[in-house]
Structures are given as structure tokens and as C-alpha cells.
């Protein structure tokens, strides 16, 4: 019975818990980096399930490179949008 009252209390405030448009825009901006991080984690988890081999090492290295490239692009895009940034 306690769970029902907690659920009612949580859903009663649901409209105020929704993300704002600015937060959704920030998530959309970061989505390529998030997806690259997910791919890196997938490669690492896959490599944990079996003995180490060159193919897994290459897959992790490529996924890490894609994640770093996505983070760099996000960082450059964010820095370019900030007024008065570094010259």
C-alpha cells in the first residue's frame, strides 16, 4: 500500500519534473558524444566476455578514437558558441 501512495505523490508533480527546452537542446547537442561513449562501453563489455585478442583491441581502440573525436567536436562547438572565448 505504501508504494501506491508514493506513486501518486510522484505522478502528482510530474508536469514540473519534465525537462525544459534548453535541457533537451543540450542533450541533443551532446547526443553524438553520448552514442560514441555507448559504443566504447559496448566494445569494452564484449571484450570482457572472452580471452583478449587483436580484433577486440582494435575495436576498443577505434571506439575510443570515435569517442574522443566526438568529445573534441562537442568541446569546439561549445567553445565557439560562448561569446568572448579564447582568441
Protein backbone atom coordinates (compact mmCIF):
# COMPACT_ATOMS: atom_id res chain seq x y z
CA UNK A 1 0.00 0.00 0.00
CA UNK A 2 2.88 2.35 0.70
CA UNK A 3 4.04 2.04 -2.92
CA UNK A 4 0.70 3.28 -4.24
CA UNK A 5 0.86 6.46 -2.18
CA UNK A 6 4.47 7.07 -3.26
CA UNK A 7 3.47 6.59 -6.90
CA UNK A 8 0.59 9.02 -6.52
CA UNK A 9 2.90 11.56 -4.88
CA UNK A 10 5.44 11.25 -7.69
CA UNK A 11 2.92 11.50 -10.52
CA UNK A 12 1.22 14.44 -8.88
CA UNK A 13 4.32 16.57 -9.59
CA UNK A 14 5.16 15.09 -12.99
CA UNK A 15 4.50 18.25 -15.07
CA UNK A 16 7.12 20.16 -13.09
CA UNK A 17 9.69 17.40 -13.46
CA UNK A 18 9.76 17.49 -17.26
CA UNK A 19 12.99 18.74 -18.86
CA UNK A 20 12.98 22.26 -20.22
CA UNK A 21 13.54 23.08 -23.89
CA UNK A 22 17.07 24.27 -23.05
CA UNK A 23 17.86 20.96 -21.33
CA UNK A 24 16.50 18.99 -24.30
CA UNK A 25 18.61 21.10 -26.67
CA UNK A 26 21.71 20.43 -24.56
CA UNK A 27 21.03 16.69 -24.64
CA UNK A 28 20.55 16.81 -28.41
CA UNK A 29 23.83 18.69 -28.76
CA UNK A 30 25.67 16.06 -26.70
CA UNK A 31 23.99 13.05 -28.35
CA UNK A 32 26.87 12.17 -30.76
CA UNK A 33 29.30 12.08 -27.83
CA UNK A 34 26.86 10.04 -25.73
CA UNK A 35 26.38 7.50 -28.52
CA UNK A 36 30.16 7.24 -29.06
CA UNK A 37 30.61 6.57 -25.33
CA UNK A 38 27.94 3.86 -25.51
CA UNK A 39 29.77 2.24 -28.45
CA UNK A 40 33.01 2.32 -26.45
CA UNK A 41 31.32 0.66 -23.48
CA UNK A 42 29.80 -1.98 -25.77
CA UNK A 43 33.24 -2.79 -27.19
CA UNK A 44 34.77 -2.99 -23.71
CA UNK A 45 31.98 -5.21 -22.37
CA UNK A 46 32.24 -7.50 -25.39
CA UNK A 47 35.99 -7.86 -24.82
CA UNK A 48 35.43 -8.80 -21.19
CA UNK A 49 33.39 -11.87 -22.14
CA UNK A 50 36.21 -13.70 -23.93
CA UNK A 51 40.01 -14.01 -23.98
CA UNK A 52 41.88 -10.95 -25.21
CA UNK A 53 42.60 -10.88 -28.94
CA UNK A 54 43.78 -8.36 -31.50
CA UNK A 55 40.34 -7.84 -33.03
CA UNK A 56 38.84 -6.76 -29.70
CA UNK A 57 41.79 -4.48 -29.01
CA UNK A 58 41.33 -2.85 -32.42
CA UNK A 59 37.57 -2.48 -31.86
CA UNK A 60 38.16 -0.78 -28.48
CA UNK A 61 40.87 1.46 -29.93
CA UNK A 62 38.59 2.59 -32.76
CA UNK A 63 35.65 3.14 -30.42
CA UNK A 64 37.88 5.17 -28.07
CA UNK A 65 39.04 7.26 -31.02
CA UNK A 66 35.43 7.92 -32.11
CA UNK A 67 34.50 8.90 -28.53
CA UNK A 68 37.44 11.30 -28.27
CA UNK A 69 36.63 12.79 -31.67
CA UNK A 70 33.00 13.33 -30.65
CA UNK A 71 34.08 14.92 -27.35
CA UNK A 72 36.53 17.20 -29.19
CA UNK A 73 33.83 18.27 -31.67
CA UNK A 74 31.43 18.96 -28.79
CA UNK A 75 34.08 20.95 -26.94
CA UNK A 76 34.94 23.00 -30.02
CA UNK A 77 31.27 23.61 -30.79
CA UNK A 78 30.58 24.70 -27.22
CA UNK A 79 33.65 26.95 -27.12
CA UNK A 80 32.67 28.58 -30.42
CA UNK A 81 29.21 29.41 -29.12
CA UNK A 82 30.47 31.15 -25.96
CA UNK A 83 30.93 34.88 -26.56
CA UNK A 84 34.29 36.31 -25.56
CA UNK A 85 36.06 32.95 -25.80
CA UNK A 86 39.78 32.46 -26.12
CA UNK A 87 41.40 34.12 -29.10
